[in-house]
Amino acid sequence: MSSISSKEIEQKEWVDQTRFVEILREWVTALERKQDFTTLIKGESFVIPRDAVSKARFRVEYEIDEGDHEFELTMKWQ
């Protein structure tokens, strides 16, 4: 299981709507309950510890580039 470390990791995966909604619900529930959040990306487990929220910055972004629309939610912490 991967956790927060100093090594560089970038893992991305396109998922269907059902999985996307599932991830969002699990993340929101963990945030509301102040619990760790664990998710799988390309079969690899990642943990966002509950104390990361108190250190985090949050960003909401909407972008249009050459007709492609992108909506992004970001939580960033150290």
PDB file of N, CA and C in Angstrom:
ATOM      1  N   MET A   1       0.843  -1.184   0.000  1.00  0.00           N
ATOM      2  CA  MET A   1       0.000   0.000   0.000  1.00  0.00           C
ATOM      3  C   MET A   1       0.881   1.238   0.000  1.00  0.00           C
ATOM      4  N   SER A   2       0.557   2.177  -0.859  1.00  0.00           N
ATOM      5  CA  SER A   2       1.296   3.433  -0.922  1.00  0.00           C
ATOM      6  C   SER A   2       0.715   4.408   0.074  1.00  0.00           C
ATOM      7  N   SER A   3       1.563   5.238   0.609  1.00  0.00           N
ATOM      8  CA  SER A   3       1.106   6.311   1.478  1.00  0.00           C
ATOM      9  C   SER A   3       1.923   7.547   1.157  1.00  0.00           C
ATOM     10  N   ILE A   4       1.639   8.610   1.869  1.00  0.00           N
ATOM     11  CA  ILE A   4       2.348   9.854   1.611  1.00  0.00           C
ATOM     12  C   ILE A   4       3.835   9.649   1.865  1.00  0.00           C
ATOM     13  N   SER A   5       4.630  10.064   0.909  1.00  0.00           N
ATOM     14  CA  SER A   5       6.084   9.956   1.043  1.00  0.00           C
ATOM     15  C   SER A   5       6.708  11.061   0.225  1.00  0.00           C
ATOM     16  N   SER A   6       8.022  11.107   0.224  1.00  0.00           N
ATOM     17  CA  SER A   6       8.721  12.146  -0.518  1.00  0.00           C
ATOM     18  C   SER A   6       8.986  11.734  -1.969  1.00  0.00           C
ATOM     19  N   LYS A   7       8.718  10.477  -2.334  1.00  0.00           N
ATOM     20  CA  LYS A   7       8.962  10.072  -3.716  1.00  0.00           C
ATOM     21  C   LYS A   7       7.859  10.617  -4.623  1.00  0.00           C
ATOM     22  N   GLU A   8       8.223  10.818  -5.872  1.00  0.00           N
ATOM     23  CA  GLU A   8       7.262  11.349  -6.838  1.00  0.00           C
ATOM     24  C   GLU A   8       6.402  10.218  -7.392  1.00  0.00           C
ATOM     25  N   ILE A   9       5.089  10.432  -7.365  1.00  0.00           N
ATOM     26  CA  ILE A   9       4.132   9.464  -7.889  1.00  0.00           C
ATOM     27  C   ILE A   9       3.103  10.245  -8.683  1.00  0.00           C
ATOM     28  N   GLU A  10       2.771   9.766  -9.848  1.00  0.00           N
ATOM     29  CA  GLU A  10       1.659  10.328 -10.595  1.00  0.00           C
ATOM     30  C   GLU A  10       0.903   9.157 -11.205  1.00  0.00           C
ATOM     31  N   GLN A  11      -0.288   8.944 -10.735  1.00  0.00           N
ATOM     32  CA  GLN A  11      -1.104   7.832 -11.206  1.00  0.00           C
ATOM     33  C   GLN A  11      -2.444   8.385 -11.673  1.00  0.00           C
ATOM     34  N   LYS A  12      -2.806   8.124 -12.898  1.00  0.00           N
ATOM     35  CA  LYS A  12      -4.062   8.604 -13.457  1.00  0.00           C
ATOM     36  C   LYS A  12      -4.799   7.432 -14.079  1.00  0.00           C
ATOM     37  N   GLU A  13      -6.116   7.515 -14.041  1.00  0.00           N
ATOM     38  CA  GLU A  13      -6.919   6.456 -14.636  1.00  0.00           C
ATOM     39  C   GLU A  13      -8.268   7.033 -15.057  1.00  0.00           C
ATOM     40  N   TRP A  14      -8.674   6.762 -16.280  1.00  0.00           N
ATOM     41  CA  TRP A  14     -10.020   7.114 -16.722  1.00  0.00           C
ATOM     42  C   TRP A  14     -10.958   6.041 -16.197  1.00  0.00           C
ATOM     43  N   VAL A  15     -12.065   6.463 -15.589  1.00  0.00           N
ATOM     44  CA  VAL A  15     -13.039   5.529 -15.041  1.00  0.00           C
ATOM     45  C   VAL A  15     -14.418   5.870 -15.596  1.00  0.00           C
ATOM     46  N   ASP A  16     -15.342   4.926 -15.488  1.00  0.00           N
ATOM     47  CA  ASP A  16     -16.701   5.209 -15.939  1.00  0.00           C
ATOM     48  C   ASP A  16     -17.452   6.029 -14.880  1.00  0.00           C
ATOM     49  N   GLN A  17     -18.625   6.496 -15.243  1.00  0.00           N
ATOM     50  CA  GLN A  17     -19.389   7.372 -14.346  1.00  0.00           C
ATOM     51  C   GLN A  17     -19.699   6.699 -13.016  1.00  0.00           C
ATOM     52  N   THR A  18     -20.040   5.418 -13.041  1.00  0.00           N
ATOM     53  CA  THR A  18     -20.367   4.710 -11.801  1.00  0.00           C
ATOM     54  C   THR A  18     -19.191   4.723 -10.838  1.00  0.00           C
ATOM     55  N   ARG A  19     -17.996   4.414 -11.320  1.00  0.00           N
ATOM     56  CA  ARG A  19     -16.796   4.396 -10.465  1.00  0.00           C
ATOM     57  C   ARG A  19     -16.442   5.802 -10.001  1.00  0.00           C
ATOM     58  N   PHE A  20     -16.601   6.787 -10.877  1.00  0.00           N
ATOM     59  CA  PHE A  20     -16.299   8.167 -10.534  1.00  0.00           C
ATOM     60  C   PHE A  20     -17.180   8.631  -9.365  1.00  0.00           C
ATOM     61  N   VAL A  21     -18.475   8.353  -9.462  1.00  0.00           N
ATOM     62  CA  VAL A  21     -19.412   8.731  -8.396  1.00  0.00           C
ATOM     63  C   VAL A  21     -19.067   7.993  -7.101  1.00  0.00           C
ATOM     64  N   GLU A  22     -18.697   6.729  -7.205  1.00  0.00           N
ATOM     65  CA  GLU A  22     -18.323   5.936  -6.034  1.00  0.00           C
ATOM     66  C   GLU A  22     -17.117   6.561  -5.319  1.00  0.00           C
ATOM     67  N   ILE A  23     -16.111   6.935  -6.088  1.00  0.00           N
ATOM     68  CA  ILE A  23     -14.915   7.557  -5.504  1.00  0.00           C
ATOM     69  C   ILE A  23     -15.276   8.873  -4.819  1.00  0.00           C
ATOM     70  N   LEU A  24     -16.076   9.709  -5.497  1.00  0.00           N
ATOM     71  CA  LEU A  24     -16.489  10.982  -4.895  1.00  0.00           C
ATOM     72  C   LEU A  24     -17.234  10.771  -3.583  1.00  0.00           C
ATOM     73  N   ARG A  25     -18.179   9.833  -3.583  1.00  0.00           N
ATOM     74  CA  ARG A  25     -18.960   9.566  -2.357  1.00  0.00           C
ATOM     75  C   ARG A  25     -18.061   9.094  -1.220  1.00  0.00           C
ATOM     76  N   GLU A  26     -17.157   8.181  -1.526  1.00  0.00           N
ATOM     77  CA  GLU A  26     -16.245   7.667  -0.494  1.00  0.00           C
ATOM     78  C   GLU A  26     -15.351   8.783   0.041  1.00  0.00           C
ATOM     79  N   TRP A  27     -14.870   9.655  -0.849  1.00  0.00           N
ATOM     80  CA  TRP A  27     -13.999  10.758  -0.439  1.00  0.00           C
ATOM     81  C   TRP A  27     -14.760  11.740   0.450  1.00  0.00           C
ATOM     82  N   VAL A  28     -15.965  12.125   0.031  1.00  0.00           N
ATOM     83  CA  VAL A  28     -16.773  13.069   0.807  1.00  0.00           C
ATOM     84  C   VAL A  28     -17.117  12.476   2.170  1.00  0.00           C
ATOM     85  N   THR A  29     -17.484  11.216   2.201  1.00  0.00           N
ATOM     86  CA  THR A  29     -17.799  10.559   3.479  1.00  0.00           C
ATOM     87  C   THR A  29     -16.595  10.584   4.405  1.00  0.00           C
ATOM     88  N   ALA A  30     -15.418  10.261   3.874  1.00  0.00           N
ATOM     89  CA  ALA A  30     -14.197  10.284   4.690  1.00  0.00           C
ATOM     90  C   ALA A  30     -13.909  11.697   5.193  1.00  0.00           C
ATOM     91  N   LEU A  31     -14.090  12.715   4.336  1.00  0.00           N
ATOM     92  CA  LEU A  31     -13.879  14.103   4.757  1.00  0.00           C
ATOM     93  C   LEU A  31     -14.837  14.482   5.881  1.00  0.00           C
ATOM     94  N   GLU A  32     -16.117  14.164   5.703  1.00  0.00           N
ATOM     95  CA  GLU A  32     -17.122  14.519   6.707  1.00  0.00           C
ATOM     96  C   GLU A  32     -16.889  13.810   8.037  1.00  0.00           C
ATOM     97  N   ARG A  33     -16.436  12.582   7.980  1.00  0.00           N
ATOM     98  CA  ARG A  33     -16.220  11.782   9.197  1.00  0.00           C
ATOM     99  C   ARG A  33     -14.811  11.950   9.762  1.00  0.00           C
ATOM    100  N   LYS A  34     -13.992  12.753   9.071  1.00  0.00           N
ATOM    101  CA  LYS A  34     -12.599  12.967   9.482  1.00  0.00           C
ATOM    102  C   LYS A  34     -11.850  11.635   9.596  1.00  0.00           C
ATOM    103  N   GLN A  35     -11.985  10.826   8.542  1.00  0.00           N
ATOM    104  CA  GLN A  35     -11.354   9.517   8.470  1.00  0.00           C
ATOM    105  C   GLN A  35     -10.345   9.482   7.328  1.00  0.00           C
ATOM    106  N   ASP A  36      -9.435   8.505   7.376  1.00  0.00           N
ATOM    107  CA  ASP A  36      -8.547   8.268   6.246  1.00  0.00           C
ATOM    108  C   ASP A  36      -9.390   7.893   5.027  1.00  0.00           C
ATOM    109  N   PHE A  37      -8.890   8.242   3.851  1.00  0.00           N
ATOM    110  CA  PHE A  37      -9.544   7.873   2.604  1.00  0.00           C
ATOM    111  C   PHE A  37      -8.588   6.999   1.813  1.00  0.00           C
ATOM    112  N   THR A  38      -9.042   5.821   1.442  1.00  0.00           N
ATOM    113  CA  THR A  38      -8.227   4.903   0.650  1.00  0.00           C
ATOM    114  C   THR A  38      -8.927   4.656  -0.673  1.00  0.00           C
ATOM    115  N   THR A  39      -8.177   4.724  -1.759  1.00  0.00           N
ATOM    116  CA  THR A  39      -8.740   4.449  -3.076  1.00  0.00           C
ATOM    117  C   THR A  39      -7.742   3.689  -3.927  1.00  0.00           C
ATOM    118  N   LEU A  40      -8.254   3.035  -4.948  1.00  0.00           N
ATOM    119  CA  LEU A  40      -7.420   2.294  -5.892  1.00  0.00           C
ATOM    120  C   LEU A  40      -7.348   3.057  -7.205  1.00  0.00           C
ATOM    121  N   ILE A  41      -6.143   3.207  -7.726  1.00  0.00           N
ATOM    122  CA  ILE A  41      -5.933   3.795  -9.039  1.00  0.00           C
ATOM    123  C   ILE A  41      -5.031   2.833  -9.801  1.00  0.00           C
ATOM    124  N   LYS A  42      -5.551   2.298 -10.888  1.00  0.00           N
ATOM    125  CA  LYS A  42      -4.844   1.284 -11.682  1.00  0.00           C
ATOM    126  C   LYS A  42      -4.367   0.123 -10.809  1.00  0.00           C
ATOM    127  N   GLY A  43      -5.214  -0.267  -9.870  1.00  0.00           N
ATOM    128  CA  GLY A  43      -4.914  -1.410  -9.016  1.00  0.00           C
ATOM    129  C   GLY A  43      -3.982  -1.128  -7.855  1.00  0.00           C
ATOM    130  N   GLU A  44      -3.503   0.095  -7.731  1.00  0.00           N
ATOM    131  CA  GLU A  44      -2.606   0.455  -6.638  1.00  0.00           C
ATOM    132  C   GLU A  44      -3.371   1.260  -5.587  1.00  0.00           C
ATOM    133  N   SER A  45      -3.182   0.920  -4.329  1.00  0.00           N
ATOM    134  CA  SER A  45      -3.897   1.549  -3.226  1.00  0.00           C
ATOM    135  C   SER A  45      -3.172   2.810  -2.750  1.00  0.00           C
ATOM    136  N   PHE A  46      -3.950   3.881  -2.583  1.00  0.00           N
ATOM    137  CA  PHE A  46      -3.413   5.142  -2.083  1.00  0.00           C
ATOM    138  C   PHE A  46      -4.248   5.603  -0.893  1.00  0.00           C
ATOM    139  N   VAL A  47      -3.577   6.157   0.110  1.00  0.00           N
ATOM    140  CA  VAL A  47      -4.253   6.611   1.321  1.00  0.00           C
ATOM    141  C   VAL A  47      -4.054   8.113   1.487  1.00  0.00           C
ATOM    142  N   ILE A  48      -5.159   8.802   1.720  1.00  0.00           N
ATOM    143  CA  ILE A  48      -5.102  10.204   2.120  1.00  0.00           C
ATOM    144  C   ILE A  48      -5.435  10.213   3.606  1.00  0.00           C
ATOM    145  N   PRO A  49      -4.460  10.507   4.455  1.00  0.00           N
ATOM    146  CA  PRO A  49      -4.713  10.457   5.894  1.00  0.00           C
ATOM    147  C   PRO A  49      -5.661  11.565   6.341  1.00  0.00           C
ATOM    148  N   ARG A  50      -6.439  11.278   7.367  1.00  0.00           N
ATOM    149  CA  ARG A  50      -7.444  12.231   7.854  1.00  0.00           C
ATOM    150  C   ARG A  50      -6.839  13.570   8.243  1.00  0.00           C
ATOM    151  N   ASP A  51      -5.619  13.601   8.734  1.00  0.00           N
ATOM    152  CA  ASP A  51      -5.023  14.870   9.145  1.00  0.00           C
ATOM    153  C   ASP A  51      -4.560  15.713   7.959  1.00  0.00           C
ATOM    154  N   ALA A  52      -4.567  15.150   6.749  1.00  0.00           N
ATOM    155  CA  ALA A  52      -4.191  15.921   5.559  1.00  0.00           C
ATOM    156  C   ALA A  52      -5.176  17.059   5.312  1.00  0.00           C
ATOM    157  N   VAL A  53      -6.441  16.863   5.677  1.00  0.00           N
ATOM    158  CA  VAL A  53      -7.477  17.869   5.423  1.00  0.00           C
ATOM    159  C   VAL A  53      -7.163  19.180   6.132  1.00  0.00           C
ATOM    160  N   SER A  54      -6.675  19.106   7.354  1.00  0.00           N
ATOM    161  CA  SER A  54      -6.389  20.335   8.101  1.00  0.00           C
ATOM    162  C   SER A  54      -5.202  21.100   7.509  1.00  0.00           C
ATOM    163  N   LYS A  55      -4.383  20.426   6.702  1.00  0.00           N
ATOM    164  CA  LYS A  55      -3.210  21.051   6.083  1.00  0.00           C
ATOM    165  C   LYS A  55      -3.453  21.401   4.618  1.00  0.00           C
ATOM    166  N   ALA A  56      -4.614  21.030   4.104  1.00  0.00           N
ATOM    167  CA  ALA A  56      -4.856  21.080   2.663  1.00  0.00           C
ATOM    168  C   ALA A  56      -5.324  22.440   2.168  1.00  0.00           C
ATOM    169  N   ARG A  57      -5.058  22.654   0.879  1.00  0.00           N
ATOM    170  CA  ARG A  57      -5.647  23.747   0.109  1.00  0.00           C
ATOM    171  C   ARG A  57      -6.560  23.075  -0.907  1.00  0.00           C
ATOM    172  N   PHE A  58      -7.675  23.717  -1.194  1.00  0.00           N
ATOM    173  CA  PHE A  58      -8.651  23.149  -2.112  1.00  0.00           C
ATOM    174  C   PHE A  58      -8.838  24.083  -3.294  1.00  0.00           C
ATOM    175  N   ARG A  59      -8.959  23.483  -4.494  1.00  0.00           N
ATOM    176  CA  ARG A  59      -9.148  24.285  -5.694  1.00  0.00           C
ATOM    177  C   ARG A  59     -10.230  23.636  -6.562  1.00  0.00           C
ATOM    178  N   VAL A  60     -11.076  24.485  -7.111  1.00  0.00           N
ATOM    179  CA  VAL A  60     -12.060  24.056  -8.091  1.00  0.00           C
ATOM    180  C   VAL A  60     -11.705  24.756  -9.391  1.00  0.00           C
ATOM    181  N   GLU A  61     -11.650  24.005 -10.478  1.00  0.00           N
ATOM    182  CA  GLU A  61     -11.206  24.566 -11.752  1.00  0.00           C
ATOM    183  C   GLU A  61     -12.140  24.127 -12.872  1.00  0.00           C
ATOM    184  N   TYR A  62     -12.427  25.043 -13.755  1.00  0.00           N
ATOM    185  CA  TYR A  62     -13.174  24.738 -14.978  1.00  0.00           C
ATOM    186  C   TYR A  62     -12.382  25.324 -16.131  1.00  0.00           C
ATOM    187  N   GLU A  63     -12.120  24.516 -17.145  1.00  0.00           N
ATOM    188  CA  GLU A  63     -11.270  24.948 -18.248  1.00  0.00           C
ATOM    189  C   GLU A  63     -11.886  24.518 -19.579  1.00  0.00           C
ATOM    190  N   ILE A  64     -11.791  25.395 -20.551  1.00  0.00           N
ATOM    191  CA  ILE A  64     -12.167  25.056 -21.925  1.00  0.00           C
ATOM    192  C   ILE A  64     -10.933  25.289 -22.786  1.00  0.00           C
ATOM    193  N   ASP A  65     -10.534  24.259 -23.518  1.00  0.00           N
ATOM    194  CA  ASP A  65      -9.351  24.340 -24.372  1.00  0.00           C
ATOM    195  C   ASP A  65      -9.673  23.652 -25.693  1.00  0.00           C
ATOM    196  N   GLU A  66      -9.724  24.426 -26.753  1.00  0.00           N
ATOM    197  CA  GLU A  66     -10.009  23.913 -28.093  1.00  0.00           C
ATOM    198  C   GLU A  66     -11.265  23.040 -28.111  1.00  0.00           C
ATOM    199  N   GLY A  67     -12.305  23.495 -27.406  1.00  0.00           N
ATOM    200  CA  GLY A  67     -13.580  22.784 -27.410  1.00  0.00           C
ATOM    201  C   GLY A  67     -13.705  21.686 -26.375  1.00  0.00           C
ATOM    202  N   ASP A  68     -12.593  21.298 -25.736  1.00  0.00           N
ATOM    203  CA  ASP A  68     -12.642  20.305 -24.657  1.00  0.00           C
ATOM    204  C   ASP A  68     -12.916  21.024 -23.339  1.00  0.00           C
ATOM    205  N   HIS A  69     -13.851  20.498 -22.562  1.00  0.00           N
ATOM    206  CA  HIS A  69     -14.193  21.072 -21.266  1.00  0.00           C
ATOM    207  C   HIS A  69     -13.623  20.178 -20.169  1.00  0.00           C
ATOM    208  N   GLU A  70     -13.107  20.809 -19.127  1.00  0.00           N
ATOM    209  CA  GLU A  70     -12.535  20.058 -18.006  1.00  0.00           C
ATOM    210  C   GLU A  70     -12.987  20.691 -16.699  1.00  0.00           C
ATOM    211  N   PHE A  71     -13.449  19.851 -15.781  1.00  0.00           N
ATOM    212  CA  PHE A  71     -13.828  20.262 -14.427  1.00  0.00           C
ATOM    213  C   PHE A  71     -12.952  19.469 -13.482  1.00  0.00           C
ATOM    214  N   GLU A  72     -12.250  20.157 -12.609  1.00  0.00           N
ATOM    215  CA  GLU A  72     -11.267  19.491 -11.759  1.00  0.00           C
ATOM    216  C   GLU A  72     -11.410  19.951 -10.317  1.00  0.00           C
ATOM    217  N   LEU A  73     -11.391  18.991  -9.406  1.00  0.00           N
ATOM    218  CA  LEU A  73     -11.361  19.266  -7.970  1.00  0.00           C
ATOM    219  C   LEU A  73      -9.997  18.843  -7.465  1.00  0.00           C
ATOM    220  N   THR A  74      -9.317  19.735  -6.753  1.00  0.00           N
ATOM    221  CA  THR A  74      -7.974  19.425  -6.270  1.00  0.00           C
ATOM    222  C   THR A  74      -7.884  19.678  -4.777  1.00  0.00           C
ATOM    223  N   MET A  75      -7.258  18.741  -4.083  1.00  0.00           N
ATOM    224  CA  MET A  75      -6.914  18.884  -2.665  1.00  0.00           C
ATOM    225  C   MET A  75      -5.409  18.686  -2.612  1.00  0.00           C
ATOM    226  N   LYS A  76      -4.674  19.692  -2.120  1.00  0.00           N
ATOM    227  CA  LYS A  76      -3.212  19.626  -2.117  1.00  0.00           C
ATOM    228  C   LYS A  76      -2.712  19.872  -0.693  1.00  0.00           C
ATOM    229  N   TRP A  77      -1.764  19.064  -0.262  1.00  0.00           N
ATOM    230  CA  TRP A  77      -1.189  19.191   1.082  1.00  0.00           C
ATOM    231  C   TRP A  77       0.243  18.686   1.075  1.00  0.00           C
ATOM    232  N   GLN A  78       0.936  18.947   2.163  1.00  0.00           N
ATOM    233  CA  GLN A  78       2.320  18.418   2.331  1.00  0.00           C
ATOM    234  C   GLN A  78       2.355  17.532   3.531  1.00  0.00           C
TER     235      GLN A  78
END
